[in-house]
Amino acid sequence: MVTTILKGIERITTPIEFELLKNYIDSLINEATAKGHLVKKGANNTFTQEIARLVRIGASYEDEFLQLAVGKSPLIKDIEVVIKNRGITQKKAAELVGVNEVTFSGIMRGKQNITMRIAKGLVREFQIDPNKIIQYS
């Protein structure tokens, strides 16, 4: 039953589907292991391809619906919400703030400091609360 529900699925949107997906991935891993399809490092077969596809779907669900922002500050979460709501790319967001994409990516990963110039761009373009920038930079 789970196999038919998830076969060919491209996106999940509910916690029930997510649980089914996780259980199905576990069952595929167990079956592939039992049949020796995961023994060889870097194996590329129908099991590994399907497991990888389903893991990507699960990761998309986590990003979109669970918002598992482990280690992400409220500032970064706010910026992500603005980007998502506007439907823009990270590259476009970087342009609007006035930095290159590499710098913006570093900010979003918590690896790049937010300078005064960047802070001004975040306030001006995304209406990010200046107090939040000060608190979480």
C-alpha atoms as a PDB file:
ATOM      1  CA  MET A   1       0.000   0.000   0.000  1.00  0.00           C
ATOM      2  CA  VAL A   2       2.739   2.485   0.955  1.00  0.00           C
ATOM      3  CA  THR A   3       4.591   1.622  -2.240  1.00  0.00           C
ATOM      4  CA  THR A   4       1.615   2.489  -4.411  1.00  0.00           C
ATOM      5  CA  ILE A   5       0.921   5.697  -2.484  1.00  0.00           C
ATOM      6  CA  LEU A   6       4.499   6.954  -2.860  1.00  0.00           C
ATOM      7  CA  LYS A   7       5.356   5.555  -6.293  1.00  0.00           C
ATOM      8  CA  GLY A   8       5.897   8.469  -8.629  1.00  0.00           C
ATOM      9  CA  ILE A   9       5.084  11.064  -5.968  1.00  0.00           C
ATOM     10  CA  GLU A  10       6.971  14.320  -6.421  1.00  0.00           C
ATOM     11  CA  ARG A  11       5.912  16.312  -3.369  1.00  0.00           C
ATOM     12  CA  ILE A  12       4.406  15.736   0.056  1.00  0.00           C
ATOM     13  CA  THR A  13       2.518  18.283   2.122  1.00  0.00           C
ATOM     14  CA  THR A  14       1.198  16.581   5.243  1.00  0.00           C
ATOM     15  CA  PRO A  15       2.705  15.051   8.378  1.00  0.00           C
ATOM     16  CA  ILE A  16       1.003  11.737   7.542  1.00  0.00           C
ATOM     17  CA  GLU A  17       2.633  11.652   4.111  1.00  0.00           C
ATOM     18  CA  PHE A  18       5.960  12.523   5.747  1.00  0.00           C
ATOM     19  CA  GLU A  19       5.661   9.596   8.174  1.00  0.00           C
ATOM     20  CA  LEU A  20       4.724   7.266   5.320  1.00  0.00           C
ATOM     21  CA  LEU A  21       7.707   8.532   3.362  1.00  0.00           C
ATOM     22  CA  LYS A  22      10.137   7.955   6.239  1.00  0.00           C
ATOM     23  CA  ASN A  23       8.776   4.443   6.822  1.00  0.00           C
ATOM     24  CA  TYR A  24       8.986   3.631   3.137  1.00  0.00           C
ATOM     25  CA  ILE A  25      12.575   4.888   2.931  1.00  0.00           C
ATOM     26  CA  ASP A  26      13.451   2.687   5.920  1.00  0.00           C
ATOM     27  CA  SER A  27      11.814  -0.325   4.286  1.00  0.00           C
ATOM     28  CA  LEU A  28      13.667   0.314   1.010  1.00  0.00           C
ATOM     29  CA  ILE A  29      16.970   0.592   2.855  1.00  0.00           C
ATOM     30  CA  ASN A  30      16.277  -2.656   4.698  1.00  0.00           C
ATOM     31  CA  GLU A  31      15.276  -4.455   1.501  1.00  0.00           C
ATOM     32  CA  ALA A  32      18.248  -3.093  -0.445  1.00  0.00           C
ATOM     33  CA  THR A  33      20.587  -4.090   2.376  1.00  0.00           C
ATOM     34  CA  ALA A  34      19.137  -7.597   2.575  1.00  0.00           C
ATOM     35  CA  LYS A  35      19.545  -8.028  -1.189  1.00  0.00           C
ATOM     36  CA  GLY A  36      23.124  -6.689  -1.132  1.00  0.00           C
ATOM     37  CA  HIS A  37      22.401  -3.580  -3.186  1.00  0.00           C
ATOM     38  CA  LEU A  38      24.012  -1.204  -0.667  1.00  0.00           C
ATOM     39  CA  VAL A  39      27.196  -3.162  -0.038  1.00  0.00           C
ATOM     40  CA  LYS A  40      29.304  -1.395  -2.630  1.00  0.00           C
ATOM     41  CA  LYS A  41      30.219   2.231  -1.851  1.00  0.00           C
ATOM     42  CA  GLY A  42      28.684   4.570  -4.393  1.00  0.00           C
ATOM     43  CA  ALA A  43      26.256   1.922  -5.615  1.00  0.00           C
ATOM     44  CA  ASN A  44      23.951   3.185  -8.323  1.00  0.00           C
ATOM     45  CA  ASN A  45      20.913   0.999  -8.807  1.00  0.00           C
ATOM     46  CA  THR A  46      17.134   1.264  -8.684  1.00  0.00           C
ATOM     47  CA  PHE A  47      17.184   1.102  -4.883  1.00  0.00           C
ATOM     48  CA  THR A  48      19.725   3.881  -4.406  1.00  0.00           C
ATOM     49  CA  GLN A  49      18.059   6.035  -7.044  1.00  0.00           C
ATOM     50  CA  GLU A  50      14.616   5.676  -5.457  1.00  0.00           C
ATOM     51  CA  ILE A  51      15.973   6.221  -1.940  1.00  0.00           C
ATOM     52  CA  ALA A  52      17.767   9.383  -3.093  1.00  0.00           C
ATOM     53  CA  ARG A  53      14.613  10.652  -4.834  1.00  0.00           C
ATOM     54  CA  LEU A  54      12.481  10.072  -1.755  1.00  0.00           C
ATOM     55  CA  VAL A  55      15.056  11.662   0.557  1.00  0.00           C
ATOM     56  CA  ARG A  56      15.005  14.799  -1.620  1.00  0.00           C
ATOM     57  CA  ILE A  57      11.208  14.894  -1.346  1.00  0.00           C
ATOM     58  CA  GLY A  58      11.469  14.517   2.444  1.00  0.00           C
ATOM     59  CA  ALA A  59      14.062  17.268   2.656  1.00  0.00           C
ATOM     60  CA  SER A  60      11.837  19.593   0.621  1.00  0.00           C
ATOM     61  CA  TYR A  61       8.947  18.886   2.978  1.00  0.00           C
ATOM     62  CA  GLU A  62      11.143  19.632   6.003  1.00  0.00           C
ATOM     63  CA  ASP A  63      12.324  22.897   4.464  1.00  0.00           C
ATOM     64  CA  GLU A  64       8.873  24.027   3.426  1.00  0.00           C
ATOM     65  CA  PHE A  65       6.586  22.791   6.173  1.00  0.00           C
ATOM     66  CA  LEU A  66       8.583  21.833   9.238  1.00  0.00           C
ATOM     67  CA  GLN A  67      10.933  24.791   9.043  1.00  0.00           C
ATOM     68  CA  LEU A  68      13.590  22.849  10.896  1.00  0.00           C
ATOM     69  CA  ALA A  69      15.929  25.764  11.248  1.00  0.00           C
ATOM     70  CA  VAL A  70      18.384  24.133  13.587  1.00  0.00           C
ATOM     71  CA  GLY A  71      20.978  26.749  14.398  1.00  0.00           C
ATOM     72  CA  LYS A  72      19.262  29.418  12.314  1.00  0.00           C
ATOM     73  CA  SER A  73      18.686  32.697  14.011  1.00  0.00           C
ATOM     74  CA  PRO A  74      15.346  34.482  13.937  1.00  0.00           C
ATOM     75  CA  LEU A  75      17.004  37.045  11.664  1.00  0.00           C
ATOM     76  CA  ILE A  76      17.883  34.422   9.048  1.00  0.00           C
ATOM     77  CA  LYS A  77      14.406  32.912   9.343  1.00  0.00           C
ATOM     78  CA  ASP A  78      12.875  36.355   8.698  1.00  0.00           C
ATOM     79  CA  ILE A  79      15.039  36.862   5.612  1.00  0.00           C
ATOM     80  CA  GLU A  80      14.054  33.406   4.333  1.00  0.00           C
ATOM     81  CA  VAL A  81      10.368  34.239   4.802  1.00  0.00           C
ATOM     82  CA  VAL A  82      10.740  37.464   2.813  1.00  0.00           C
ATOM     83  CA  ILE A  83      12.556  35.645  -0.001  1.00  0.00           C
ATOM     84  CA  LYS A  84       9.926  32.911  -0.099  1.00  0.00           C
ATOM     85  CA  ASN A  85       6.985  35.310   0.068  1.00  0.00           C
ATOM     86  CA  ARG A  86       8.372  37.423  -2.748  1.00  0.00           C
ATOM     87  CA  GLY A  87       9.184  34.351  -4.797  1.00  0.00           C
ATOM     88  CA  ILE A  88      12.692  35.545  -5.544  1.00  0.00           C
ATOM     89  CA  THR A  89      15.958  33.686  -5.745  1.00  0.00           C
ATOM     90  CA  GLN A  90      18.797  34.103  -3.315  1.00  0.00           C
ATOM     91  CA  LYS A  91      20.732  35.717  -6.155  1.00  0.00           C
ATOM     92  CA  LYS A  92      17.996  38.326  -6.634  1.00  0.00           C
ATOM     93  CA  ALA A  93      17.828  38.900  -2.866  1.00  0.00           C
ATOM     94  CA  ALA A  94      21.577  39.534  -2.849  1.00  0.00           C
ATOM     95  CA  GLU A  95      21.201  42.065  -5.663  1.00  0.00           C
ATOM     96  CA  LEU A  96      18.432  43.891  -3.801  1.00  0.00           C
ATOM     97  CA  VAL A  97      20.503  44.085  -0.615  1.00  0.00           C
ATOM     98  CA  GLY A  98      23.540  45.234  -2.602  1.00  0.00           C
ATOM     99  CA  VAL A  99      25.948  42.323  -2.152  1.00  0.00           C
ATOM    100  CA  ASN A 100      27.154  39.496  -4.323  1.00  0.00           C
ATOM    101  CA  GLU A 101      25.540  36.083  -4.138  1.00  0.00           C
ATOM    102  CA  VAL A 102      28.507  34.494  -2.342  1.00  0.00           C
ATOM    103  CA  THR A 103      28.391  37.078   0.444  1.00  0.00           C
ATOM    104  CA  PHE A 104      24.628  36.736   0.785  1.00  0.00           C
ATOM    105  CA  SER A 105      24.893  32.955   0.893  1.00  0.00           C
ATOM    106  CA  GLY A 106      27.479  33.293   3.656  1.00  0.00           C
ATOM    107  CA  ILE A 107      25.082  35.487   5.635  1.00  0.00           C
ATOM    108  CA  MET A 108      22.275  32.976   5.207  1.00  0.00           C
ATOM    109  CA  ARG A 109      24.543  30.171   6.442  1.00  0.00           C
ATOM    110  CA  GLY A 110      25.757  32.231   9.390  1.00  0.00           C
ATOM    111  CA  LYS A 111      29.302  32.339   8.012  1.00  0.00           C
ATOM    112  CA  GLN A 112      29.412  35.991   6.972  1.00  0.00           C
ATOM    113  CA  ASN A 113      29.089  39.032   9.215  1.00  0.00           C
ATOM    114  CA  ILE A 114      26.425  41.600   8.493  1.00  0.00           C
ATOM    115  CA  THR A 115      28.054  44.950   7.912  1.00  0.00           C
ATOM    116  CA  MET A 116      26.310  48.285   8.354  1.00  0.00           C
ATOM    117  CA  ARG A 117      25.863  48.522   4.568  1.00  0.00           C
ATOM    118  CA  ILE A 118      24.236  45.064   4.453  1.00  0.00           C
ATOM    119  CA  ALA A 119      22.072  45.872   7.472  1.00  0.00           C
ATOM    120  CA  LYS A 120      20.826  49.003   5.725  1.00  0.00           C
ATOM    121  CA  GLY A 121      19.997  46.946   2.634  1.00  0.00           C
ATOM    122  CA  LEU A 122      18.071  44.404   4.719  1.00  0.00           C
ATOM    123  CA  VAL A 123      16.043  47.159   6.376  1.00  0.00           C
ATOM    124  CA  ARG A 124      15.465  49.090   3.151  1.00  0.00           C
ATOM    125  CA  GLU A 125      14.657  46.179   0.825  1.00  0.00           C
ATOM    126  CA  PHE A 126      13.155  43.549   3.161  1.00  0.00           C
ATOM    127  CA  GLN A 127      11.857  45.696   6.031  1.00  0.00           C
ATOM    128  CA  ILE A 128      13.816  43.579   8.504  1.00  0.00           C
ATOM    129  CA  ASP A 129      13.595  44.950  12.040  1.00  0.00           C
ATOM    130  CA  PRO A 130      16.874  46.803  12.785  1.00  0.00           C
ATOM    131  CA  ASN A 131      16.725  45.602  16.404  1.00  0.00           C
ATOM    132  CA  LYS A 132      16.657  42.011  15.185  1.00  0.00           C
ATOM    133  CA  ILE A 133      19.695  42.691  13.007  1.00  0.00           C
ATOM    134  CA  ILE A 134      21.569  44.107  16.006  1.00  0.00           C
ATOM    135  CA  GLN A 135      20.486  41.280  18.290  1.00  0.00           C
ATOM    136  CA  TYR A 136      21.295  38.381  15.934  1.00  0.00           C
ATOM    137  CA  SER A 137      24.270  39.672  13.946  1.00  0.00           C
END
